[in-house]
Amino acid sequence: MTETGPIVGVLGLQGDVLEHRRAVADCGLRSTVVRRPAELARVDALILPGGESTTMSRLLVAFDLMEPLRARLASGMPAYGSCAGMILMSREVLDGRPDRRQLAVLDAVVRPNAFGRQAASFEADLDFVGIPGGPIRAVFIRAPWVEQAGSGVEVLARVPEVPVAGSAAGRIVAIRQGSVLATAFHPELTGDRRVHQLFCEMVRLSNEVPVSARYAGESGTRARGA
């Protein structure tokens, strides 16, 4: 598939960067790795992969990305966070470290490692609002869940109410608020591109006038492909 249109950045500090870039390419958009503010200024959307959310928070500060990213998100830049990305973008984290810093673009309260440690990783089939074609196969690895979603947050998927789900049954694991999408699971690991297709369609719709072009006037840097 030919890669055209807006440029999707993938935060390159931790996580499945290459897998997310492949998924974006399969959906027909261009991608680039983002590690510096100048690279963030040149993209029209951003994916925040999984990883360790406290470490990612520290790295965002160390790479001078925390405040520029907050500004871009506040301006309406589309973003998608999986697992740790969901945690970082939520307004509150339960049982989190006091030095953790949040992007706070989602009106949601999340519990990290809610499903247990690495050994408790599992897969489940989820009904996902807005995605046709049957259930999504979800891979949960030290995953969070959403304890509370604000009135402006759309709940897209929950763990199914089946006996094997145990205490996780009914828990919220995918949400959307405006131009921000987040999942507790890792769709980049399954080969099913429907979650990325949903996000890429959000990016296309919001980028008739690229966000990066609006920022070019403020930064003095002309937005261009990478």
N, C-alpha and C. Protein backbone atom coordinates (compact mmCIF):
# COMPACT_ATOMS: atom_id res chain seq x y z
N MET A 1 0.84 -1.20 0.00
CA MET A 1 0.00 0.00 0.00
C MET A 1 0.88 1.25 0.00
N THR A 2 0.57 2.24 -0.83
CA THR A 2 1.36 3.46 -0.93
C THR A 2 1.13 4.33 0.29
N GLU A 3 2.23 4.84 0.87
CA GLU A 3 2.14 5.69 2.04
C GLU A 3 1.99 7.14 1.60
N THR A 4 0.87 7.76 1.96
CA THR A 4 0.60 9.13 1.57
C THR A 4 -0.05 9.86 2.74
N GLY A 5 -0.27 11.18 2.55
CA GLY A 5 -1.04 11.94 3.51
C GLY A 5 -0.24 12.37 4.72
N PRO A 6 -0.95 12.57 5.85
CA PRO A 6 -0.30 13.08 7.06
C PRO A 6 0.81 12.16 7.57
N ILE A 7 1.66 12.73 8.40
CA ILE A 7 2.76 11.98 8.99
C ILE A 7 2.42 11.65 10.44
N VAL A 8 2.47 10.38 10.77
CA VAL A 8 2.22 9.92 12.13
C VAL A 8 3.56 9.68 12.82
N GLY A 9 3.80 10.38 13.91
CA GLY A 9 4.99 10.13 14.70
C GLY A 9 4.77 8.97 15.65
N VAL A 10 5.82 8.22 15.92
CA VAL A 10 5.79 7.18 16.94
C VAL A 10 6.84 7.54 17.98
N LEU A 11 6.42 7.76 19.20
CA LEU A 11 7.35 8.14 20.26
C LEU A 11 8.39 7.05 20.42
N GLY A 12 9.65 7.40 20.26
CA GLY A 12 10.71 6.40 20.18
C GLY A 12 11.53 6.26 21.45
N LEU A 13 10.92 6.41 22.61
CA LEU A 13 11.66 6.31 23.86
C LEU A 13 11.65 4.91 24.44
N GLN A 14 10.59 4.15 24.19
CA GLN A 14 10.44 2.78 24.66
C GLN A 14 9.40 2.10 23.80
N GLY A 15 9.30 0.78 23.90
CA GLY A 15 8.17 0.06 23.35
C GLY A 15 8.32 -0.41 21.92
N ASP A 16 7.18 -0.85 21.35
CA ASP A 16 7.15 -1.49 20.03
C ASP A 16 7.11 -0.45 18.91
N VAL A 17 8.16 0.32 18.79
CA VAL A 17 8.18 1.42 17.82
C VAL A 17 8.06 0.89 16.39
N LEU A 18 8.88 -0.10 16.03
CA LEU A 18 8.87 -0.63 14.67
C LEU A 18 7.51 -1.25 14.34
N GLU A 19 6.91 -1.99 15.28
CA GLU A 19 5.63 -2.63 15.01
C GLU A 19 4.53 -1.60 14.75
N HIS A 20 4.55 -0.50 15.51
CA HIS A 20 3.55 0.54 15.26
C HIS A 20 3.79 1.21 13.91
N ARG A 21 5.03 1.42 13.53
CA ARG A 21 5.32 2.03 12.23
C ARG A 21 4.85 1.13 11.09
N ARG A 22 5.04 -0.18 11.24
CA ARG A 22 4.55 -1.11 10.23
C ARG A 22 3.03 -1.05 10.12
N ALA A 23 2.37 -0.98 11.26
CA ALA A 23 0.91 -0.91 11.24
C ALA A 23 0.42 0.36 10.55
N VAL A 24 1.08 1.48 10.82
CA VAL A 24 0.70 2.74 10.17
C VAL A 24 0.91 2.64 8.66
N ALA A 25 2.04 2.07 8.25
CA ALA A 25 2.31 1.90 6.82
C ALA A 25 1.25 1.02 6.17
N ASP A 26 0.83 -0.04 6.86
CA ASP A 26 -0.21 -0.93 6.32
C ASP A 26 -1.53 -0.20 6.16
N CYS A 27 -1.73 0.87 6.94
CA CYS A 27 -2.95 1.66 6.83
C CYS A 27 -2.82 2.80 5.83
N GLY A 28 -1.65 2.91 5.19
CA GLY A 28 -1.49 3.85 4.09
C GLY A 28 -0.97 5.22 4.46
N LEU A 29 -0.46 5.39 5.69
CA LEU A 29 0.10 6.68 6.08
C LEU A 29 1.60 6.58 6.32
N ARG A 30 2.26 7.72 6.27
CA ARG A 30 3.68 7.79 6.55
C ARG A 30 3.91 7.87 8.06
N SER A 31 5.10 7.44 8.51
CA SER A 31 5.42 7.55 9.92
C SER A 31 6.89 7.92 10.08
N THR A 32 7.23 8.39 11.27
CA THR A 32 8.59 8.71 11.62
C THR A 32 8.74 8.56 13.12
N VAL A 33 9.97 8.40 13.58
CA VAL A 33 10.24 8.27 15.01
C VAL A 33 10.40 9.66 15.61
N VAL A 34 9.82 9.85 16.80
CA VAL A 34 9.90 11.14 17.49
C VAL A 34 10.65 10.96 18.80
N ARG A 35 11.78 11.68 18.93
CA ARG A 35 12.54 11.68 20.18
C ARG A 35 12.89 13.10 20.63
N ARG A 36 12.70 14.08 19.77
CA ARG A 36 13.09 15.45 20.07
C ARG A 36 11.95 16.42 19.73
N PRO A 37 11.93 17.60 20.37
CA PRO A 37 10.87 18.57 20.07
C PRO A 37 10.79 18.94 18.60
N ALA A 38 11.93 19.08 17.92
CA ALA A 38 11.89 19.44 16.50
C ALA A 38 11.22 18.36 15.68
N GLU A 39 11.39 17.10 16.07
CA GLU A 39 10.73 15.99 15.36
C GLU A 39 9.23 15.99 15.64
N LEU A 40 8.85 16.30 16.88
CA LEU A 40 7.44 16.40 17.22
C LEU A 40 6.75 17.49 16.42
N ALA A 41 7.45 18.60 16.18
CA ALA A 41 6.87 19.72 15.44
C ALA A 41 6.57 19.38 13.99
N ARG A 42 7.18 18.33 13.46
CA ARG A 42 7.02 17.99 12.05
C ARG A 42 5.97 16.92 11.79
N VAL A 43 5.32 16.41 12.84
CA VAL A 43 4.32 15.36 12.64
C VAL A 43 2.92 15.90 12.85
N ASP A 44 1.96 15.17 12.32
CA ASP A 44 0.55 15.57 12.40
C ASP A 44 -0.24 14.78 13.43
N ALA A 45 0.37 13.73 13.97
CA ALA A 45 -0.26 12.88 14.97
C ALA A 45 0.83 12.10 15.67
N LEU A 46 0.49 11.46 16.79
CA LEU A 46 1.52 10.74 17.55
C LEU A 46 0.95 9.47 18.16
N ILE A 47 1.74 8.40 18.10
CA ILE A 47 1.45 7.16 18.81
C ILE A 47 2.41 7.04 19.99
N LEU A 48 1.86 6.77 21.17
CA LEU A 48 2.65 6.51 22.36
C LEU A 48 2.59 5.02 22.64
N PRO A 49 3.68 4.28 22.39
CA PRO A 49 3.66 2.82 22.54
C PRO A 49 3.64 2.39 24.01
N GLY A 50 3.61 1.06 24.19
CA GLY A 50 3.74 0.52 25.53
C GLY A 50 5.16 0.67 26.04
N GLY A 51 5.35 0.25 27.28
CA GLY A 51 6.63 0.37 27.94
C GLY A 51 6.39 0.45 29.44
N GLU A 52 7.27 1.14 30.16
CA GLU A 52 7.08 1.36 31.59
C GLU A 52 6.75 2.82 31.76
N SER A 53 5.54 3.10 32.23
CA SER A 53 5.01 4.47 32.15
C SER A 53 5.80 5.47 32.99
N THR A 54 6.28 5.05 34.16
CA THR A 54 7.07 5.98 34.98
C THR A 54 8.38 6.33 34.29
N THR A 55 9.03 5.33 33.71
CA THR A 55 10.27 5.57 32.96
C THR A 55 10.00 6.46 31.76
N MET A 56 8.91 6.21 31.05
CA MET A 56 8.58 7.04 29.89
C MET A 56 8.32 8.47 30.31
N SER A 57 7.66 8.68 31.44
CA SER A 57 7.44 10.03 31.95
C SER A 57 8.77 10.74 32.19
N ARG A 58 9.71 10.05 32.81
CA ARG A 58 11.02 10.65 33.06
C ARG A 58 11.75 10.96 31.76
N LEU A 59 11.65 10.05 30.79
CA LEU A 59 12.33 10.28 29.52
C LEU A 59 11.72 11.44 28.75
N LEU A 60 10.41 11.61 28.84
CA LEU A 60 9.78 12.77 28.20
C LEU A 60 10.36 14.07 28.75
N VAL A 61 10.60 14.10 30.05
CA VAL A 61 11.20 15.28 30.66
C VAL A 61 12.66 15.41 30.23
N ALA A 62 13.40 14.31 30.27
CA ALA A 62 14.83 14.34 29.93
C ALA A 62 15.07 14.77 28.49
N PHE A 63 14.16 14.38 27.58
CA PHE A 63 14.30 14.73 26.17
C PHE A 63 13.58 16.03 25.82
N ASP A 64 13.16 16.79 26.84
CA ASP A 64 12.48 18.08 26.65
C ASP A 64 11.22 17.96 25.80
N LEU A 65 10.51 16.85 25.96
CA LEU A 65 9.30 16.60 25.17
C LEU A 65 8.01 16.80 25.96
N MET A 66 8.07 16.81 27.28
CA MET A 66 6.84 16.83 28.07
C MET A 66 5.98 18.06 27.77
N GLU A 67 6.54 19.22 27.87
CA GLU A 67 5.73 20.43 27.66
C GLU A 67 5.34 20.63 26.20
N PRO A 68 6.25 20.44 25.21
CA PRO A 68 5.81 20.53 23.82
C PRO A 68 4.70 19.54 23.48
N LEU A 69 4.78 18.33 24.03
CA LEU A 69 3.75 17.33 23.74
C LEU A 69 2.43 17.73 24.39
N ARG A 70 2.47 18.23 25.61
CA ARG A 70 1.24 18.72 26.23
C ARG A 70 0.59 19.80 25.38
N ALA A 71 1.42 20.70 24.85
CA ALA A 71 0.88 21.79 24.03
C ALA A 71 0.25 21.26 22.75
N ARG A 72 0.91 20.32 22.10
CA ARG A 72 0.36 19.76 20.87
C ARG A 72 -0.97 19.03 21.13
N LEU A 73 -1.01 18.27 22.21
CA LEU A 73 -2.24 17.56 22.55
C LEU A 73 -3.36 18.54 22.88
N ALA A 74 -3.03 19.60 23.60
CA ALA A 74 -4.03 20.61 23.94
C ALA A 74 -4.57 21.30 22.69
N SER A 75 -3.74 21.37 21.64
CA SER A 75 -4.17 22.00 20.39
C SER A 75 -5.07 21.11 19.55
N GLY A 76 -5.20 19.84 19.94
CA GLY A 76 -6.06 18.92 19.20
C GLY A 76 -5.35 17.93 18.32
N MET A 77 -4.02 17.82 18.46
CA MET A 77 -3.30 16.83 17.66
C MET A 77 -3.81 15.43 17.98
N PRO A 78 -4.15 14.62 16.98
CA PRO A 78 -4.57 13.25 17.25
C PRO A 78 -3.45 12.44 17.89
N ALA A 79 -3.82 11.60 18.84
CA ALA A 79 -2.84 10.76 19.51
C ALA A 79 -3.49 9.43 19.84
N TYR A 80 -2.66 8.39 19.82
CA TYR A 80 -3.10 7.05 20.22
C TYR A 80 -2.09 6.49 21.20
N GLY A 81 -2.55 6.02 22.34
CA GLY A 81 -1.68 5.42 23.33
C GLY A 81 -2.09 3.99 23.63
N SER A 82 -1.12 3.07 23.58
CA SER A 82 -1.39 1.68 23.95
C SER A 82 -0.67 1.37 25.25
N CYS A 83 -1.38 0.76 26.19
CA CYS A 83 -0.82 0.32 27.47
C CYS A 83 -0.20 1.50 28.22
N ALA A 84 1.12 1.61 28.28
CA ALA A 84 1.75 2.73 28.98
C ALA A 84 1.33 4.07 28.39
N GLY A 85 1.07 4.10 27.08
CA GLY A 85 0.59 5.33 26.46
C GLY A 85 -0.75 5.76 27.03
N MET A 86 -1.65 4.80 27.29
CA MET A 86 -2.92 5.10 27.93
C MET A 86 -2.69 5.69 29.32
N ILE A 87 -1.77 5.10 30.07
CA ILE A 87 -1.48 5.58 31.43
C ILE A 87 -0.98 7.02 31.39
N LEU A 88 -0.02 7.30 30.52
CA LEU A 88 0.57 8.63 30.44
C LEU A 88 -0.44 9.71 30.08
N MET A 89 -1.41 9.37 29.23
CA MET A 89 -2.34 10.38 28.76
C MET A 89 -3.53 10.59 29.69
N SER A 90 -3.70 9.75 30.70
CA SER A 90 -4.81 9.89 31.63
C SER A 90 -4.50 10.94 32.69
N ARG A 91 -5.56 11.50 33.26
CA ARG A 91 -5.35 12.58 34.22
C ARG A 91 -4.89 12.09 35.59
N GLU A 92 -5.20 10.82 35.92
CA GLU A 92 -4.83 10.32 37.25
C GLU A 92 -4.46 8.85 37.16
N VAL A 93 -3.42 8.48 37.92
CA VAL A 93 -2.96 7.10 37.99
C VAL A 93 -3.04 6.64 39.44
N LEU A 94 -3.75 5.56 39.69
CA LEU A 94 -3.86 5.02 41.04
C LEU A 94 -2.57 4.29 41.43
N ASP A 95 -2.18 4.44 42.68
CA ASP A 95 -1.00 3.75 43.20
C ASP A 95 0.26 4.09 42.41
N GLY A 96 0.30 5.30 41.87
CA GLY A 96 1.47 5.71 41.09
C GLY A 96 2.53 6.37 41.96
N ARG A 97 3.73 6.50 41.43
CA ARG A 97 4.82 7.17 42.13
C ARG A 97 4.54 8.66 42.20
N PRO A 98 4.95 9.33 43.29
CA PRO A 98 4.69 10.76 43.41
C PRO A 98 5.44 11.61 42.39
N ASP A 99 6.53 11.08 41.82
CA ASP A 99 7.30 11.86 40.85
C ASP A 99 6.82 11.66 39.41
N ARG A 100 5.77 10.85 39.23
CA ARG A 100 5.24 10.63 37.89
C ARG A 100 4.59 11.92 37.37
N ARG A 101 4.81 12.23 36.10
CA ARG A 101 4.17 13.38 35.47
C ARG A 101 3.26 12.90 34.36
N GLN A 102 2.07 13.47 34.31
CA GLN A 102 1.04 13.04 33.38
C GLN A 102 0.85 14.05 32.25
N LEU A 103 0.47 13.53 31.08
CA LEU A 103 0.06 14.41 29.98
C LEU A 103 -1.35 14.90 30.20
N ALA A 104 -2.17 14.11 30.89
CA ALA A 104 -3.48 14.53 31.38
C ALA A 104 -4.42 15.05 30.29
N VAL A 105 -4.44 14.35 29.14
CA VAL A 105 -5.31 14.76 28.05
C VAL A 105 -6.59 13.92 28.02
N LEU A 106 -6.63 12.84 28.79
CA LEU A 106 -7.82 12.00 28.90
C LEU A 106 -8.42 12.15 30.29
N ASP A 107 -9.71 12.41 30.36
CA ASP A 107 -10.40 12.53 31.64
C ASP A 107 -10.70 11.12 32.16
N ALA A 108 -9.66 10.45 32.59
CA ALA A 108 -9.79 9.06 33.02
C ALA A 108 -8.84 8.79 34.18
N VAL A 109 -9.27 7.87 35.04
CA VAL A 109 -8.45 7.38 36.13
C VAL A 109 -8.08 5.93 35.80
N VAL A 110 -6.78 5.62 35.78
CA VAL A 110 -6.34 4.29 35.39
C VAL A 110 -5.58 3.62 36.52
N ARG A 111 -5.60 2.29 36.49
CA ARG A 111 -4.83 1.50 37.44
C ARG A 111 -3.77 0.73 36.65
N PRO A 112 -2.48 1.05 36.84
CA PRO A 112 -1.43 0.34 36.11
C PRO A 112 -1.27 -1.09 36.63
N ASN A 113 -0.78 -1.96 35.76
CA ASN A 113 -0.55 -3.37 36.12
C ASN A 113 -1.78 -4.00 36.76
N ALA A 114 -2.95 -3.59 36.29
CA ALA A 114 -4.20 -4.01 36.93
C ALA A 114 -4.45 -5.50 36.79
N PHE A 115 -3.95 -6.10 35.70
CA PHE A 115 -4.18 -7.51 35.45
C PHE A 115 -3.12 -8.40 36.11
N GLY A 116 -2.11 -7.79 36.73
CA GLY A 116 -1.06 -8.57 37.36
C GLY A 116 0.26 -8.42 36.64
N ARG A 117 1.23 -9.20 37.07
CA ARG A 117 2.58 -9.14 36.52
C ARG A 117 2.67 -9.79 35.16
N GLN A 118 3.88 -9.82 34.61
CA GLN A 118 4.12 -10.35 33.27
C GLN A 118 3.53 -11.76 33.10
N ALA A 119 3.65 -12.57 34.14
CA ALA A 119 3.15 -13.95 34.05
C ALA A 119 1.64 -14.01 33.90
N ALA A 120 0.95 -12.91 34.26
CA ALA A 120 -0.50 -12.87 34.15
C ALA A 120 -0.97 -12.31 32.82
N SER A 121 -0.05 -12.08 31.88
CA SER A 121 -0.44 -11.59 30.55
C SER A 121 -1.39 -12.59 29.89
N PHE A 122 -2.33 -12.07 29.12
CA PHE A 122 -3.32 -12.95 28.51
C PHE A 122 -3.89 -12.30 27.26
N GLU A 123 -4.71 -13.04 26.53
CA GLU A 123 -5.40 -12.54 25.35
C GLU A 123 -6.90 -12.73 25.52
N ALA A 124 -7.67 -11.86 24.87
CA ALA A 124 -9.12 -11.96 24.94
C ALA A 124 -9.72 -11.36 23.68
N ASP A 125 -10.92 -11.79 23.32
CA ASP A 125 -11.65 -11.24 22.19
C ASP A 125 -12.60 -10.17 22.70
N LEU A 126 -12.48 -8.95 22.15
CA LEU A 126 -13.25 -7.81 22.62
C LEU A 126 -14.17 -7.28 21.54
N ASP A 127 -15.40 -6.95 21.92
CA ASP A 127 -16.26 -6.16 21.06
C ASP A 127 -15.82 -4.71 21.17
N PHE A 128 -15.56 -4.07 20.03
CA PHE A 128 -14.96 -2.74 20.00
C PHE A 128 -15.90 -1.80 19.24
N VAL A 129 -16.41 -0.80 19.94
CA VAL A 129 -17.34 0.16 19.34
C VAL A 129 -16.67 0.88 18.17
N GLY A 130 -17.35 0.93 17.04
CA GLY A 130 -16.85 1.66 15.88
C GLY A 130 -15.93 0.87 14.98
N ILE A 131 -15.66 -0.38 15.31
CA ILE A 131 -14.82 -1.22 14.47
C ILE A 131 -15.65 -2.41 14.00
N PRO A 132 -15.95 -2.49 12.70
CA PRO A 132 -16.73 -3.62 12.18
C PRO A 132 -15.86 -4.86 11.98
N GLY A 133 -16.52 -5.97 11.68
CA GLY A 133 -15.79 -7.18 11.32
C GLY A 133 -15.60 -8.17 12.43
N GLY A 134 -16.33 -8.01 13.52
CA GLY A 134 -16.23 -8.97 14.61
C GLY A 134 -15.27 -8.54 15.69
N PRO A 135 -15.10 -9.38 16.72
CA PRO A 135 -14.27 -9.02 17.88
C PRO A 135 -12.81 -8.76 17.51
N ILE A 136 -12.18 -7.94 18.33
CA ILE A 136 -10.75 -7.65 18.24
C ILE A 136 -10.01 -8.59 19.20
N ARG A 137 -8.97 -9.25 18.71
CA ARG A 137 -8.14 -10.07 19.58
C ARG A 137 -7.16 -9.15 20.29
N ALA A 138 -7.25 -9.10 21.62
CA ALA A 138 -6.46 -8.15 22.40
C ALA A 138 -5.40 -8.88 23.21
N VAL A 139 -4.17 -8.35 23.17
CA VAL A 139 -3.05 -8.89 23.93
C VAL A 139 -2.77 -7.94 25.09
N PHE A 140 -2.90 -8.45 26.32
CA PHE A 140 -2.68 -7.65 27.52
C PHE A 140 -1.36 -8.08 28.17
N ILE A 141 -0.41 -7.12 28.32
CA ILE A 141 0.89 -7.39 28.92
C ILE A 141 1.11 -6.37 30.03
N ARG A 142 1.03 -6.82 31.28
CA ARG A 142 1.14 -5.90 32.42
C ARG A 142 0.26 -4.68 32.20
N ALA A 143 -0.96 -4.94 31.80
CA ALA A 143 -1.83 -3.89 31.27
C ALA A 143 -2.56 -3.12 32.38
N PRO A 144 -2.91 -1.87 32.08
CA PRO A 144 -3.79 -1.12 32.96
C PRO A 144 -5.26 -1.40 32.63
N TRP A 145 -6.14 -0.92 33.45
CA TRP A 145 -7.53 -0.75 33.04
C TRP A 145 -8.02 0.58 33.54
N VAL A 146 -9.14 1.03 33.02
CA VAL A 146 -9.71 2.33 33.39
C VAL A 146 -10.67 2.11 34.54
N GLU A 147 -10.37 2.73 35.67
CA GLU A 147 -11.24 2.65 36.84
C GLU A 147 -12.41 3.61 36.72
N GLN A 148 -12.17 4.75 36.10
CA GLN A 148 -13.20 5.78 36.01
C GLN A 148 -13.01 6.58 34.74
N ALA A 149 -14.08 6.79 33.99
CA ALA A 149 -14.04 7.59 32.77
C ALA A 149 -14.99 8.77 32.92
N GLY A 150 -14.50 9.96 32.57
CA GLY A 150 -15.32 11.16 32.68
C GLY A 150 -16.46 11.17 31.66
N SER A 151 -17.35 12.14 31.82
CA SER A 151 -18.54 12.20 30.98
C SER A 151 -18.22 12.44 29.51
N GLY A 152 -17.06 13.04 29.22
CA GLY A 152 -16.68 13.30 27.84
C GLY A 152 -15.89 12.19 27.20
N VAL A 153 -15.71 11.08 27.92
CA VAL A 153 -14.92 9.95 27.43
C VAL A 153 -15.85 8.87 26.91
N GLU A 154 -15.61 8.42 25.68
CA GLU A 154 -16.39 7.34 25.09
C GLU A 154 -15.71 6.01 25.40
N VAL A 155 -16.46 5.10 25.99
CA VAL A 155 -15.95 3.76 26.27
C VAL A 155 -16.12 2.91 25.02
N LEU A 156 -15.01 2.37 24.51
CA LEU A 156 -15.03 1.61 23.27
C LEU A 156 -14.99 0.11 23.47
N ALA A 157 -14.37 -0.35 24.56
CA ALA A 157 -14.26 -1.80 24.77
C ALA A 157 -14.10 -2.10 26.25
N ARG A 158 -14.67 -3.24 26.64
CA ARG A 158 -14.53 -3.77 27.99
C ARG A 158 -14.12 -5.24 27.91
N VAL A 159 -13.49 -5.72 28.96
CA VAL A 159 -13.21 -7.15 29.06
C VAL A 159 -14.55 -7.88 29.12
N PRO A 160 -14.73 -8.93 28.32
CA PRO A 160 -16.03 -9.61 28.29
C PRO A 160 -16.39 -10.24 29.64
N GLU A 161 -17.69 -10.32 29.90
CA GLU A 161 -18.20 -10.91 31.13
C GLU A 161 -18.25 -12.42 30.98
N VAL A 162 -17.08 -13.05 31.08
CA VAL A 162 -16.97 -14.50 30.99
C VAL A 162 -16.23 -15.00 32.23
N PRO A 163 -16.49 -16.25 32.66
CA PRO A 163 -15.88 -16.74 33.89
C PRO A 163 -14.36 -16.64 33.94
N VAL A 164 -13.69 -16.90 32.81
CA VAL A 164 -12.22 -16.89 32.83
C VAL A 164 -11.65 -15.50 33.04
N ALA A 165 -12.46 -14.45 32.85
CA ALA A 165 -11.98 -13.08 33.04
C ALA A 165 -11.79 -12.74 34.51
N GLY A 166 -12.47 -13.47 35.39
CA GLY A 166 -12.32 -13.21 36.81
C GLY A 166 -12.68 -11.78 37.17
N SER A 167 -11.83 -11.15 38.01
CA SER A 167 -12.10 -9.79 38.47
C SER A 167 -11.96 -8.75 37.37
N ALA A 168 -11.37 -9.13 36.23
CA ALA A 168 -11.22 -8.19 35.11
C ALA A 168 -12.50 -8.04 34.30
N ALA A 169 -13.46 -8.93 34.49
CA ALA A 169 -14.69 -8.90 33.70
C ALA A 169 -15.36 -7.54 33.80
N GLY A 170 -15.70 -6.98 32.64
CA GLY A 170 -16.39 -5.70 32.59
C GLY A 170 -15.51 -4.48 32.69
N ARG A 171 -14.22 -4.66 32.91
CA ARG A 171 -13.32 -3.52 33.04
C ARG A 171 -13.12 -2.81 31.70
N ILE A 172 -12.98 -1.50 31.76
CA ILE A 172 -12.81 -0.68 30.55
C ILE A 172 -11.36 -0.78 30.08
N VAL A 173 -11.18 -1.11 28.78
CA VAL A 173 -9.83 -1.29 28.25
C VAL A 173 -9.59 -0.53 26.94
N ALA A 174 -10.56 0.25 26.49
CA ALA A 174 -10.36 1.12 25.32
C ALA A 174 -11.27 2.31 25.44
N ILE A 175 -10.73 3.49 25.20
CA ILE A 175 -11.50 4.73 25.33
C ILE A 175 -11.09 5.71 24.24
N ARG A 176 -11.96 6.69 24.06
CA ARG A 176 -11.65 7.80 23.14
C ARG A 176 -12.23 9.08 23.71
N GLN A 177 -11.45 10.15 23.62
CA GLN A 177 -11.93 11.48 23.99
C GLN A 177 -11.48 12.45 22.91
N GLY A 178 -12.42 12.87 22.09
CA GLY A 178 -12.08 13.77 21.00
C GLY A 178 -11.09 13.13 20.04
N SER A 179 -9.93 13.74 19.89
CA SER A 179 -8.92 13.26 18.94
C SER A 179 -7.92 12.29 19.58
N VAL A 180 -8.21 11.83 20.79
CA VAL A 180 -7.28 10.95 21.50
C VAL A 180 -7.92 9.58 21.70
N LEU A 181 -7.20 8.54 21.29
CA LEU A 181 -7.62 7.14 21.39
C LEU A 181 -6.63 6.42 22.30
N ALA A 182 -7.13 5.50 23.13
CA ALA A 182 -6.23 4.76 24.01
C ALA A 182 -6.76 3.36 24.24
N THR A 183 -5.83 2.40 24.28
CA THR A 183 -6.18 1.02 24.59
C THR A 183 -5.23 0.48 25.65
N ALA A 184 -5.74 -0.42 26.49
CA ALA A 184 -4.90 -1.07 27.48
C ALA A 184 -4.08 -2.20 26.87
N PHE A 185 -4.42 -2.59 25.67
CA PHE A 185 -3.78 -3.73 25.02
C PHE A 185 -2.91 -3.29 23.84
N HIS A 186 -2.28 -4.26 23.19
CA HIS A 186 -1.26 -4.02 22.16
C HIS A 186 -1.73 -4.53 20.79
N PRO A 187 -2.48 -3.75 20.03
CA PRO A 187 -2.93 -4.25 18.73
C PRO A 187 -1.82 -4.41 17.71
N GLU A 188 -0.69 -3.77 17.94
CA GLU A 188 0.43 -3.89 16.99
C GLU A 188 1.03 -5.29 16.99
N LEU A 189 0.69 -6.12 17.98
CA LEU A 189 1.30 -7.44 18.11
C LEU A 189 0.50 -8.56 17.44
N THR A 190 -0.70 -8.26 16.96
CA THR A 190 -1.57 -9.33 16.48
C THR A 190 -1.66 -9.43 14.97
N GLY A 191 -1.28 -8.38 14.25
CA GLY A 191 -1.48 -8.38 12.80
C GLY A 191 -2.84 -7.87 12.37
N ASP A 192 -3.76 -7.70 13.30
CA ASP A 192 -5.08 -7.11 13.02
C ASP A 192 -4.91 -5.59 13.05
N ARG A 193 -5.10 -4.96 11.91
CA ARG A 193 -4.82 -3.52 11.79
C ARG A 193 -6.03 -2.63 12.06
N ARG A 194 -7.12 -3.18 12.54
CA ARG A 194 -8.35 -2.38 12.61
C ARG A 194 -8.28 -1.24 13.63
N VAL A 195 -7.58 -1.41 14.74
CA VAL A 195 -7.44 -0.30 15.69
C VAL A 195 -6.59 0.80 15.07
N HIS A 196 -5.49 0.42 14.41
CA HIS A 196 -4.67 1.42 13.73
C HIS A 196 -5.42 2.07 12.58
N GLN A 197 -6.26 1.32 11.89
CA GLN A 197 -7.06 1.90 10.82
C GLN A 197 -8.01 2.95 11.38
N LEU A 198 -8.62 2.66 12.53
CA LEU A 198 -9.49 3.65 13.17
C LEU A 198 -8.71 4.91 13.50
N PHE A 199 -7.51 4.75 14.07
CA PHE A 199 -6.72 5.92 14.41
C PHE A 199 -6.28 6.68 13.17
N CYS A 200 -5.84 5.97 12.16
CA CYS A 200 -5.39 6.65 10.93
C CYS A 200 -6.53 7.41 10.27
N GLU A 201 -7.74 6.87 10.36
CA GLU A 201 -8.89 7.61 9.82
C GLU A 201 -9.14 8.87 10.64
N MET A 202 -8.97 8.80 11.96
CA MET A 202 -9.06 10.00 12.80
C MET A 202 -8.03 11.03 12.36
N VAL A 203 -6.82 10.56 12.06
CA VAL A 203 -5.75 11.46 11.64
C VAL A 203 -6.10 12.12 10.30
N ARG A 204 -6.58 11.33 9.34
CA ARG A 204 -6.93 11.87 8.04
C ARG A 204 -8.02 12.94 8.17
N LEU A 205 -9.04 12.65 8.96
CA LEU A 205 -10.15 13.58 9.10
C LEU A 205 -9.74 14.89 9.77
N SER A 206 -8.80 14.81 10.70
CA SER A 206 -8.39 16.01 11.44
C SER A 206 -7.28 16.79 10.75
N ASN A 207 -6.73 16.23 9.68
CA ASN A 207 -5.58 16.85 9.05
C ASN A 207 -5.84 17.35 7.64
N GLU A 208 -7.05 17.80 7.39
CA GLU A 208 -7.29 18.49 6.12
C GLU A 208 -6.39 19.72 6.04
N VAL A 209 -6.19 20.38 7.20
CA VAL A 209 -5.12 21.37 7.36
C VAL A 209 -4.21 20.81 8.43
N PRO A 210 -2.99 20.36 8.09
CA PRO A 210 -2.13 19.66 9.05
C PRO A 210 -1.86 20.48 10.30
N VAL A 211 -1.90 19.83 11.44
CA VAL A 211 -1.56 20.46 12.71
C VAL A 211 -0.14 20.99 12.67
N SER A 212 0.77 20.24 12.04
CA SER A 212 2.16 20.67 11.98
C SER A 212 2.31 21.98 11.23
N ALA A 213 1.45 22.23 10.24
CA ALA A 213 1.52 23.48 9.51
C ALA A 213 1.12 24.65 10.39
N ARG A 214 0.16 24.43 11.29
CA ARG A 214 -0.25 25.49 12.20
C ARG A 214 0.87 25.82 13.17
N TYR A 215 1.66 24.81 13.55
CA TYR A 215 2.75 25.05 14.49
C TYR A 215 3.97 25.66 13.82
N ALA A 216 4.06 25.53 12.51
CA ALA A 216 5.25 26.03 11.82
C ALA A 216 5.43 27.52 12.03
N GLY A 217 4.30 28.26 12.05
CA GLY A 217 4.39 29.69 12.22
C GLY A 217 4.90 30.08 13.59
N GLU A 218 4.61 29.24 14.61
CA GLU A 218 5.05 29.55 15.96
C GLU A 218 6.51 29.17 16.17
N SER A 219 6.92 28.07 15.56
CA SER A 219 8.28 27.57 15.82
C SER A 219 9.31 28.13 14.85
N GLY A 220 8.80 28.70 13.74
CA GLY A 220 9.73 29.18 12.74
C GLY A 220 10.26 28.08 11.85
N THR A 221 9.74 26.87 12.06
CA THR A 221 10.18 25.73 11.27
C THR A 221 9.07 25.32 10.33
N ARG A 222 9.32 25.25 9.07
CA ARG A 222 8.33 24.83 8.11
C ARG A 222 8.10 23.33 8.23
N ALA A 223 6.82 22.92 8.44
CA ALA A 223 6.52 21.51 8.55
C ALA A 223 6.83 20.80 7.25
N ARG A 224 7.47 19.66 7.36
CA ARG A 224 7.79 18.89 6.16
C ARG A 224 7.89 17.42 6.52
N GLY A 225 7.88 16.56 5.52
CA GLY A 225 7.95 15.12 5.74
C GLY A 225 9.30 14.72 6.27
N ALA A 226 9.31 13.48 6.87
CA ALA A 226 10.56 12.93 7.41
C ALA A 226 10.82 11.61 6.77
